[in-house]
């Protein structure tokens, strides 16, 4: 079991009432809902930051090399994907 640490969260009355109502509906504790909400938020934001880093790496590589996928090649690949023909991303 992982070590836990308590963090305080101040909620306005409206948010607190919404949290308690949803907890009752879901038959879960407000604590459980808050933990899941935080985990979901962190997962999404960490993915965003990873994608942003990858985009910056690609941009820097393009600026250094000038190598890119031709529009026609990318458009053809996307059209094939739309038709269900899965293949490797063009280089």
PDB file of N, CA and C in Angstrom:
ATOM      1  N   UNK A   1       0.839  -1.180   0.000  1.00  0.00           N
ATOM      2  CA  UNK A   1       0.000   0.000   0.000  1.00  0.00           C
ATOM      3  C   UNK A   1       0.878   1.234   0.000  1.00  0.00           C
ATOM      4  N   UNK A   2       0.544   2.197  -0.836  1.00  0.00           N
ATOM      5  CA  UNK A   2       1.378   3.390  -0.919  1.00  0.00           C
ATOM      6  C   UNK A   2       1.104   4.324   0.256  1.00  0.00           C
ATOM      7  N   UNK A   3       2.101   5.096   0.570  1.00  0.00           N
ATOM      8  CA  UNK A   3       2.003   6.060   1.656  1.00  0.00           C
ATOM      9  C   UNK A   3       1.068   7.193   1.234  1.00  0.00           C
ATOM     10  N   UNK A   4       0.235   7.657   2.129  1.00  0.00           N
ATOM     11  CA  UNK A   4      -0.686   8.749   1.814  1.00  0.00           C
ATOM     12  C   UNK A   4      -0.353   9.968   2.644  1.00  0.00           C
ATOM     13  N   UNK A   5      -0.791  11.114   2.146  1.00  0.00           N
ATOM     14  CA  UNK A   5      -0.564  12.372   2.836  1.00  0.00           C
ATOM     15  C   UNK A   5      -1.830  13.209   2.706  1.00  0.00           C
ATOM     16  N   UNK A   6      -2.217  13.856   3.760  1.00  0.00           N
ATOM     17  CA  UNK A   6      -3.428  14.666   3.754  1.00  0.00           C
ATOM     18  C   UNK A   6      -3.127  16.039   3.158  1.00  0.00           C
ATOM     19  N   UNK A   7      -4.027  16.475   2.263  1.00  0.00           N
ATOM     20  CA  UNK A   7      -3.976  17.819   1.684  1.00  0.00           C
ATOM     21  C   UNK A   7      -5.324  18.457   1.940  1.00  0.00           C
ATOM     22  N   UNK A   8      -5.334  19.725   2.278  1.00  0.00           N
ATOM     23  CA  UNK A   8      -6.589  20.422   2.521  1.00  0.00           C
ATOM     24  C   UNK A   8      -7.086  21.112   1.259  1.00  0.00           C
ATOM     25  N   UNK A   9      -8.392  21.048   1.038  1.00  0.00           N
ATOM     26  CA  UNK A   9      -9.003  21.708  -0.105  1.00  0.00           C
ATOM     27  C   UNK A   9     -10.175  22.532   0.421  1.00  0.00           C
ATOM     28  N   UNK A  10     -10.167  23.823   0.145  1.00  0.00           N
ATOM     29  CA  UNK A  10     -11.280  24.676   0.544  1.00  0.00           C
ATOM     30  C   UNK A  10     -12.250  24.774  -0.628  1.00  0.00           C
ATOM     31  N   UNK A  11     -13.501  24.416  -0.373  1.00  0.00           N
ATOM     32  CA  UNK A  11     -14.530  24.454  -1.404  1.00  0.00           C
ATOM     33  C   UNK A  11     -15.611  25.460  -1.015  1.00  0.00           C
ATOM     34  N   UNK A  12     -16.117  26.176  -2.004  1.00  0.00           N
ATOM     35  CA  UNK A  12     -17.241  27.066  -1.708  1.00  0.00           C
ATOM     36  C   UNK A  12     -18.478  26.208  -1.449  1.00  0.00           C
ATOM     37  N   UNK A  13     -19.516  26.813  -0.889  1.00  0.00           N
ATOM     38  CA  UNK A  13     -20.719  26.064  -0.509  1.00  0.00           C
ATOM     39  C   UNK A  13     -21.355  25.345  -1.688  1.00  0.00           C
ATOM     40  N   UNK A  14     -21.434  26.000  -2.829  1.00  0.00           N
ATOM     41  CA  UNK A  14     -22.071  25.400  -3.996  1.00  0.00           C
ATOM     42  C   UNK A  14     -21.313  24.152  -4.446  1.00  0.00           C
ATOM     43  N   UNK A  15     -20.006  24.262  -4.556  1.00  0.00           N
ATOM     44  CA  UNK A  15     -19.186  23.117  -4.980  1.00  0.00           C
ATOM     45  C   UNK A  15     -19.279  21.992  -3.965  1.00  0.00           C
ATOM     46  N   UNK A  16     -19.245  22.340  -2.693  1.00  0.00           N
ATOM     47  CA  UNK A  16     -19.330  21.329  -1.647  1.00  0.00           C
ATOM     48  C   UNK A  16     -20.671  20.595  -1.704  1.00  0.00           C
ATOM     49  N   UNK A  17     -21.763  21.315  -1.905  1.00  0.00           N
ATOM     50  CA  UNK A  17     -23.079  20.681  -2.007  1.00  0.00           C
ATOM     51  C   UNK A  17     -23.157  19.776  -3.231  1.00  0.00           C
ATOM     52  N   UNK A  18     -22.592  20.213  -4.347  1.00  0.00           N
ATOM     53  CA  UNK A  18     -22.571  19.385  -5.554  1.00  0.00           C
ATOM     54  C   UNK A  18     -21.786  18.102  -5.299  1.00  0.00           C
ATOM     55  N   UNK A  19     -20.648  18.228  -4.649  1.00  0.00           N
ATOM     56  CA  UNK A  19     -19.805  17.071  -4.331  1.00  0.00           C
ATOM     57  C   UNK A  19     -20.558  16.087  -3.445  1.00  0.00           C
ATOM     58  N   UNK A  20     -21.187  16.589  -2.411  1.00  0.00           N
ATOM     59  CA  UNK A  20     -21.922  15.716  -1.500  1.00  0.00           C
ATOM     60  C   UNK A  20     -23.101  15.045  -2.197  1.00  0.00           C
ATOM     61  N   UNK A  21     -23.794  15.782  -3.063  1.00  0.00           N
ATOM     62  CA  UNK A  21     -24.935  15.211  -3.785  1.00  0.00           C
ATOM     63  C   UNK A  21     -24.470  14.094  -4.715  1.00  0.00           C
ATOM     64  N   UNK A  22     -23.404  14.334  -5.452  1.00  0.00           N
ATOM     65  CA  UNK A  22     -22.898  13.313  -6.359  1.00  0.00           C
ATOM     66  C   UNK A  22     -22.397  12.098  -5.584  1.00  0.00           C
ATOM     67  N   UNK A  23     -21.768  12.332  -4.445  1.00  0.00           N
ATOM     68  CA  UNK A  23     -21.286  11.227  -3.616  1.00  0.00           C
ATOM     69  C   UNK A  23     -22.450  10.346  -3.176  1.00  0.00           C
ATOM     70  N   UNK A  24     -23.562  10.965  -2.786  1.00  0.00           N
ATOM     71  CA  UNK A  24     -24.739  10.185  -2.393  1.00  0.00           C
ATOM     72  C   UNK A  24     -25.277   9.378  -3.576  1.00  0.00           C
ATOM     73  N   UNK A  25     -25.384  10.023  -4.739  1.00  0.00           N
ATOM     74  CA  UNK A  25     -25.906   9.352  -5.932  1.00  0.00           C
ATOM     75  C   UNK A  25     -25.031   8.164  -6.313  1.00  0.00           C
ATOM     76  N   UNK A  26     -23.734   8.349  -6.252  1.00  0.00           N
ATOM     77  CA  UNK A  26     -22.786   7.306  -6.659  1.00  0.00           C
ATOM     78  C   UNK A  26     -22.489   6.299  -5.557  1.00  0.00           C
ATOM     79  N   UNK A  27     -23.023   6.558  -4.374  1.00  0.00           N
ATOM     80  CA  UNK A  27     -22.761   5.709  -3.211  1.00  0.00           C
ATOM     81  C   UNK A  27     -21.255   5.622  -2.947  1.00  0.00           C
ATOM     82  N   UNK A  28     -20.627   6.762  -3.010  1.00  0.00           N
ATOM     83  CA  UNK A  28     -19.192   6.902  -2.732  1.00  0.00           C
ATOM     84  C   UNK A  28     -19.014   8.047  -1.745  1.00  0.00           C
ATOM     85  N   UNK A  29     -17.844   8.110  -1.149  1.00  0.00           N
ATOM     86  CA  UNK A  29     -17.572   9.227  -0.243  1.00  0.00           C
ATOM     87  C   UNK A  29     -17.088  10.426  -1.059  1.00  0.00           C
ATOM     88  N   UNK A  30     -17.303  11.628  -0.534  1.00  0.00           N
ATOM     89  CA  UNK A  30     -16.742  12.804  -1.205  1.00  0.00           C
ATOM     90  C   UNK A  30     -15.221  12.675  -1.371  1.00  0.00           C
ATOM     91  N   UNK A  31     -14.571  12.088  -0.380  1.00  0.00           N
ATOM     92  CA  UNK A  31     -13.125  11.878  -0.455  1.00  0.00           C
ATOM     93  C   UNK A  31     -12.761  11.030  -1.672  1.00  0.00           C
ATOM     94  N   UNK A  32     -13.492   9.941  -1.893  1.00  0.00           N
ATOM     95  CA  UNK A  32     -13.232   9.063  -3.034  1.00  0.00           C
ATOM     96  C   UNK A  32     -13.390   9.832  -4.343  1.00  0.00           C
ATOM     97  N   UNK A  33     -14.474  10.612  -4.445  1.00  0.00           N
ATOM     98  CA  UNK A  33     -14.697  11.399  -5.664  1.00  0.00           C
ATOM     99  C   UNK A  33     -13.577  12.410  -5.892  1.00  0.00           C
ATOM    100  N   UNK A  34     -13.146  13.079  -4.837  1.00  0.00           N
ATOM    101  CA  UNK A  34     -12.071  14.064  -4.986  1.00  0.00           C
ATOM    102  C   UNK A  34     -10.767  13.398  -5.415  1.00  0.00           C
ATOM    103  N   UNK A  35     -10.468  12.246  -4.847  1.00  0.00           N
ATOM    104  CA  UNK A  35      -9.242  11.535  -5.245  1.00  0.00           C
ATOM    105  C   UNK A  35      -9.294  11.154  -6.715  1.00  0.00           C
ATOM    106  N   UNK A  36     -10.435  10.597  -7.177  1.00  0.00           N
ATOM    107  CA  UNK A  36     -10.565  10.220  -8.595  1.00  0.00           C
ATOM    108  C   UNK A  36     -10.487  11.446  -9.494  1.00  0.00           C
ATOM    109  N   UNK A  37     -11.115  12.539  -9.078  1.00  0.00           N
ATOM    110  CA  UNK A  37     -11.085  13.754  -9.892  1.00  0.00           C
ATOM    111  C   UNK A  37      -9.659  14.284 -10.033  1.00  0.00           C
ATOM    112  N   UNK A  38      -8.910  14.269  -8.953  1.00  0.00           N
ATOM    113  CA  UNK A  38      -7.526  14.743  -8.996  1.00  0.00           C
ATOM    114  C   UNK A  38      -6.682  13.825  -9.867  1.00  0.00           C
ATOM    115  N   UNK A  39      -6.855  12.514  -9.727  1.00  0.00           N
ATOM    116  CA  UNK A  39      -6.103  11.567 -10.552  1.00  0.00           C
ATOM    117  C   UNK A  39      -6.412  11.769 -12.039  1.00  0.00           C
ATOM    118  N   UNK A  40      -7.687  11.941 -12.359  1.00  0.00           N
ATOM    119  CA  UNK A  40      -8.092  12.156 -13.748  1.00  0.00           C
ATOM    120  C   UNK A  40      -7.481  13.437 -14.294  1.00  0.00           C
ATOM    121  N   UNK A  41      -7.523  14.501 -13.514  1.00  0.00           N
ATOM    122  CA  UNK A  41      -6.948  15.782 -13.922  1.00  0.00           C
ATOM    123  C   UNK A  41      -5.440  15.637 -14.146  1.00  0.00           C
ATOM    124  N   UNK A  42      -4.757  15.016 -13.218  1.00  0.00           N
ATOM    125  CA  UNK A  42      -3.304  14.852 -13.351  1.00  0.00           C
ATOM    126  C   UNK A  42      -2.948  14.013 -14.568  1.00  0.00           C
ATOM    127  N   UNK A  43      -3.678  12.920 -14.799  1.00  0.00           N
ATOM    128  CA  UNK A  43      -3.426  12.093 -15.982  1.00  0.00           C
ATOM    129  C   UNK A  43      -3.555  12.922 -17.253  1.00  0.00           C
ATOM    130  N   UNK A  44      -4.629  13.704 -17.361  1.00  0.00           N
ATOM    131  CA  UNK A  44      -4.869  14.508 -18.560  1.00  0.00           C
ATOM    132  C   UNK A  44      -3.785  15.572 -18.738  1.00  0.00           C
ATOM    133  N   UNK A  45      -3.449  16.263 -17.677  1.00  0.00           N
ATOM    134  CA  UNK A  45      -2.463  17.339 -17.774  1.00  0.00           C
ATOM    135  C   UNK A  45      -1.062  16.807 -18.029  1.00  0.00           C
ATOM    136  N   UNK A  46      -0.726  15.660 -17.445  1.00  0.00           N
ATOM    137  CA  UNK A  46       0.585  15.058 -17.710  1.00  0.00           C
ATOM    138  C   UNK A  46       0.691  14.619 -19.168  1.00  0.00           C
ATOM    139  N   UNK A  47      -0.403  14.053 -19.718  1.00  0.00           N
ATOM    140  CA  UNK A  47      -0.406  13.692 -21.147  1.00  0.00           C
ATOM    141  C   UNK A  47      -0.223  14.928 -22.000  1.00  0.00           C
ATOM    142  N   UNK A  48      -0.902  16.022 -21.651  1.00  0.00           N
ATOM    143  CA  UNK A  48      -0.777  17.277 -22.395  1.00  0.00           C
ATOM    144  C   UNK A  48       0.672  17.767 -22.379  1.00  0.00           C
ATOM    145  N   UNK A  49       1.296  17.754 -21.217  1.00  0.00           N
ATOM    146  CA  UNK A  49       2.686  18.213 -21.104  1.00  0.00           C
ATOM    147  C   UNK A  49       3.628  17.316 -21.897  1.00  0.00           C
ATOM    148  N   UNK A  50       3.396  15.998 -21.880  1.00  0.00           N
ATOM    149  CA  UNK A  50       4.217  15.072 -22.663  1.00  0.00           C
ATOM    150  C   UNK A  50       4.076  15.366 -24.153  1.00  0.00           C
ATOM    151  N   UNK A  51       2.838  15.551 -24.608  1.00  0.00           N
ATOM    152  CA  UNK A  51       2.606  15.862 -26.021  1.00  0.00           C
ATOM    153  C   UNK A  51       3.257  17.194 -26.404  1.00  0.00           C
ATOM    154  N   UNK A  52       3.182  18.160 -25.509  1.00  0.00           N
ATOM    155  CA  UNK A  52       3.799  19.466 -25.774  1.00  0.00           C
ATOM    156  C   UNK A  52       5.318  19.319 -25.928  1.00  0.00           C
ATOM    157  N   UNK A  53       5.933  18.508 -25.046  1.00  0.00           N
ATOM    158  CA  UNK A  53       7.388  18.265 -25.151  1.00  0.00           C
ATOM    159  C   UNK A  53       7.720  17.586 -26.474  1.00  0.00           C
ATOM    160  N   UNK A  54       6.908  16.576 -26.848  1.00  0.00           N
ATOM    161  CA  UNK A  54       7.141  15.878 -28.116  1.00  0.00           C
ATOM    162  C   UNK A  54       6.988  16.827 -29.291  1.00  0.00           C
ATOM    163  N   UNK A  55       5.989  17.692 -29.260  1.00  0.00           N
ATOM    164  CA  UNK A  55       5.802  18.676 -30.333  1.00  0.00           C
ATOM    165  C   UNK A  55       6.999  19.613 -30.437  1.00  0.00           C
ATOM    166  N   UNK A  56       7.499  20.073 -29.296  1.00  0.00           N
ATOM    167  CA  UNK A  56       8.656  20.972 -29.311  1.00  0.00           C
ATOM    168  C   UNK A  56       9.895  20.257 -29.847  1.00  0.00           C
ATOM    169  N   UNK A  57      10.062  18.998 -29.471  1.00  0.00           N
ATOM    170  CA  UNK A  57      11.186  18.211 -30.003  1.00  0.00           C
ATOM    171  C   UNK A  57      11.079  18.076 -31.515  1.00  0.00           C
ATOM    172  N   UNK A  58       9.867  17.793 -32.016  1.00  0.00           N
ATOM    173  CA  UNK A  58       9.662  17.687 -33.465  1.00  0.00           C
ATOM    174  C   UNK A  58       9.961  19.011 -34.156  1.00  0.00           C
ATOM    175  N   UNK A  59       9.486  20.106 -33.574  1.00  0.00           N
ATOM    176  CA  UNK A  59       9.696  21.429 -34.164  1.00  0.00           C
ATOM    177  C   UNK A  59      11.193  21.753 -34.219  1.00  0.00           C
ATOM    178  N   UNK A  60      11.895  21.488 -33.125  1.00  0.00           N
ATOM    179  CA  UNK A  60      13.330  21.742 -33.094  1.00  0.00           C
ATOM    180  C   UNK A  60      14.059  20.879 -34.124  1.00  0.00           C
ATOM    181  N   UNK A  61      13.663  19.600 -34.248  1.00  0.00           N
ATOM    182  CA  UNK A  61      14.276  18.708 -35.229  1.00  0.00           C
ATOM    183  C   UNK A  61      14.030  19.234 -36.651  1.00  0.00           C
ATOM    184  N   UNK A  62      12.808  19.700 -36.899  1.00  0.00           N
ATOM    185  CA  UNK A  62      12.488  20.268 -38.215  1.00  0.00           C
ATOM    186  C   UNK A  62      13.332  21.513 -38.488  1.00  0.00           C
ATOM    187  N   UNK A  63      13.453  22.381 -37.482  1.00  0.00           N
ATOM    188  CA  UNK A  63      14.239  23.599 -37.678  1.00  0.00           C
ATOM    189  C   UNK A  63      15.708  23.278 -37.964  1.00  0.00           C
ATOM    190  N   UNK A  64      16.216  22.232 -37.356  1.00  0.00           N
ATOM    191  CA  UNK A  64      17.616  21.867 -37.551  1.00  0.00           C
ATOM    192  C   UNK A  64      17.849  21.158 -38.886  1.00  0.00           C
ATOM    193  N   UNK A  65      16.879  20.321 -39.308  1.00  0.00           N
ATOM    194  CA  UNK A  65      17.107  19.489 -40.485  1.00  0.00           C
ATOM    195  C   UNK A  65      16.328  19.932 -41.716  1.00  0.00           C
ATOM    196  N   UNK A  66      15.180  20.592 -41.492  1.00  0.00           N
ATOM    197  CA  UNK A  66      14.311  20.973 -42.606  1.00  0.00           C
ATOM    198  C   UNK A  66      13.533  19.797 -43.168  1.00  0.00           C
ATOM    199  N   UNK A  67      13.694  18.621 -42.568  1.00  0.00           N
ATOM    200  CA  UNK A  67      13.022  17.419 -43.044  1.00  0.00           C
ATOM    201  C   UNK A  67      11.601  17.390 -42.496  1.00  0.00           C
ATOM    202  N   UNK A  68      10.638  17.188 -43.405  1.00  0.00           N
ATOM    203  CA  UNK A  68       9.235  17.105 -43.009  1.00  0.00           C
ATOM    204  C   UNK A  68       8.519  16.127 -43.935  1.00  0.00           C
ATOM    205  N   UNK A  69       7.334  15.716 -43.554  1.00  0.00           N
ATOM    206  CA  UNK A  69       6.511  14.845 -44.392  1.00  0.00           C
ATOM    207  C   UNK A  69       5.759  15.735 -45.376  1.00  0.00           C
ATOM    208  N   UNK A  70       5.825  15.378 -46.633  1.00  0.00           N
ATOM    209  CA  UNK A  70       5.132  16.153 -47.667  1.00  0.00           C
ATOM    210  C   UNK A  70       3.623  16.113 -47.424  1.00  0.00           C
ATOM    211  N   UNK A  71       2.952  17.213 -47.734  1.00  0.00           N
ATOM    212  CA  UNK A  71       1.510  17.320 -47.522  1.00  0.00           C
ATOM    213  C   UNK A  71       0.763  16.199 -48.252  1.00  0.00           C
ATOM    214  N   UNK A  72       1.110  15.957 -49.488  1.00  0.00           N
ATOM    215  CA  UNK A  72       0.418  14.938 -50.280  1.00  0.00           C
ATOM    216  C   UNK A  72       0.545  13.564 -49.628  1.00  0.00           C
ATOM    217  N   UNK A  73       1.735  13.263 -49.109  1.00  0.00           N
ATOM    218  CA  UNK A  73       1.974  11.979 -48.458  1.00  0.00           C
ATOM    219  C   UNK A  73       1.135  11.861 -47.170  1.00  0.00           C
ATOM    220  N   UNK A  74       1.103  12.934 -46.389  1.00  0.00           N
ATOM    221  CA  UNK A  74       0.318  12.932 -45.153  1.00  0.00           C
ATOM    222  C   UNK A  74      -1.173  12.841 -45.460  1.00  0.00           C
ATOM    223  N   UNK A  75      -1.642  13.584 -46.471  1.00  0.00           N
ATOM    224  CA  UNK A  75      -3.056  13.561 -46.843  1.00  0.00           C
ATOM    225  C   UNK A  75      -3.479  12.168 -47.306  1.00  0.00           C
ATOM    226  N   UNK A  76      -2.635  11.507 -48.069  1.00  0.00           N
ATOM    227  CA  UNK A  76      -2.938  10.151 -48.540  1.00  0.00           C
ATOM    228  C   UNK A  76      -3.026   9.193 -47.357  1.00  0.00           C
ATOM    229  N   UNK A  77      -2.094   9.305 -46.429  1.00  0.00           N
ATOM    230  CA  UNK A  77      -2.084   8.447 -45.251  1.00  0.00           C
ATOM    231  C   UNK A  77      -3.351   8.657 -44.424  1.00  0.00           C
ATOM    232  N   UNK A  78      -3.748   9.913 -44.228  1.00  0.00           N
ATOM    233  CA  UNK A  78      -4.955  10.211 -43.458  1.00  0.00           C
ATOM    234  C   UNK A  78      -6.208   9.688 -44.160  1.00  0.00           C
ATOM    235  N   UNK A  79      -6.252   9.814 -45.468  1.00  0.00           N
ATOM    236  CA  UNK A  79      -7.383   9.299 -46.233  1.00  0.00           C
ATOM    237  C   UNK A  79      -7.487   7.782 -46.082  1.00  0.00           C
ATOM    238  N   UNK A  80      -6.361   7.105 -46.150  1.00  0.00           N
ATOM    239  CA  UNK A  80      -6.349   5.655 -45.949  1.00  0.00           C
ATOM    240  C   UNK A  80      -6.834   5.287 -44.546  1.00  0.00           C
ATOM    241  N   UNK A  81      -6.398   6.041 -43.543  1.00  0.00           N
ATOM    242  CA  UNK A  81      -6.852   5.786 -42.184  1.00  0.00           C
ATOM    243  C   UNK A  81      -8.370   5.937 -42.080  1.00  0.00           C
ATOM    244  N   UNK A  82      -8.899   6.982 -42.708  1.00  0.00           N
ATOM    245  CA  UNK A  82     -10.348   7.224 -42.689  1.00  0.00           C
ATOM    246  C   UNK A  82     -11.108   6.070 -43.325  1.00  0.00           C
ATOM    247  N   UNK A  83     -10.471   5.384 -44.269  1.00  0.00           N
ATOM    248  CA  UNK A  83     -11.114   4.249 -44.948  1.00  0.00           C
ATOM    249  C   UNK A  83     -10.832   2.927 -44.239  1.00  0.00           C
ATOM    250  N   UNK A  84     -10.153   3.000 -43.092  1.00  0.00           N
ATOM    251  CA  UNK A  84      -9.876   1.791 -42.320  1.00  0.00           C
ATOM    252  C   UNK A  84      -8.601   1.078 -42.700  1.00  0.00           C
ATOM    253  N   UNK A  85      -7.808   1.667 -43.576  1.00  0.00           N
ATOM    254  CA  UNK A  85      -6.538   1.051 -44.004  1.00  0.00           C
ATOM    255  C   UNK A  85      -5.419   1.597 -43.109  1.00  0.00           C
ATOM    256  N   UNK A  86      -5.073   0.825 -42.102  1.00  0.00           N
ATOM    257  CA  UNK A  86      -4.088   1.261 -41.121  1.00  0.00           C
ATOM    258  C   UNK A  86      -2.687   0.923 -41.620  1.00  0.00           C
ATOM    259  N   UNK A  87      -1.805   1.903 -41.594  1.00  0.00           N
ATOM    260  CA  UNK A  87      -0.404   1.704 -41.961  1.00  0.00           C
ATOM    261  C   UNK A  87       0.461   2.618 -41.099  1.00  0.00           C
ATOM    262  N   UNK A  88       1.757   2.400 -41.184  1.00  0.00           N
ATOM    263  CA  UNK A  88       2.678   3.230 -40.415  1.00  0.00           C
ATOM    264  C   UNK A  88       2.628   4.668 -40.888  1.00  0.00           C
ATOM    265  N   UNK A  89       2.831   5.560 -39.977  1.00  0.00           N
ATOM    266  CA  UNK A  89       2.860   6.994 -40.291  1.00  0.00           C
ATOM    267  C   UNK A  89       4.002   7.256 -41.274  1.00  0.00           C
ATOM    268  N   UNK A  90       3.726   8.072 -42.310  1.00  0.00           N
ATOM    269  CA  UNK A  90       4.786   8.326 -43.293  1.00  0.00           C
ATOM    270  C   UNK A  90       5.960   9.088 -42.682  1.00  0.00           C
ATOM    271  N   UNK A  91       7.120   8.822 -43.231  1.00  0.00           N
ATOM    272  CA  UNK A  91       8.362   9.482 -42.763  1.00  0.00           C
ATOM    273  C   UNK A  91       8.831  10.474 -43.792  1.00  0.00           C
TER     274      UNK A  91
END
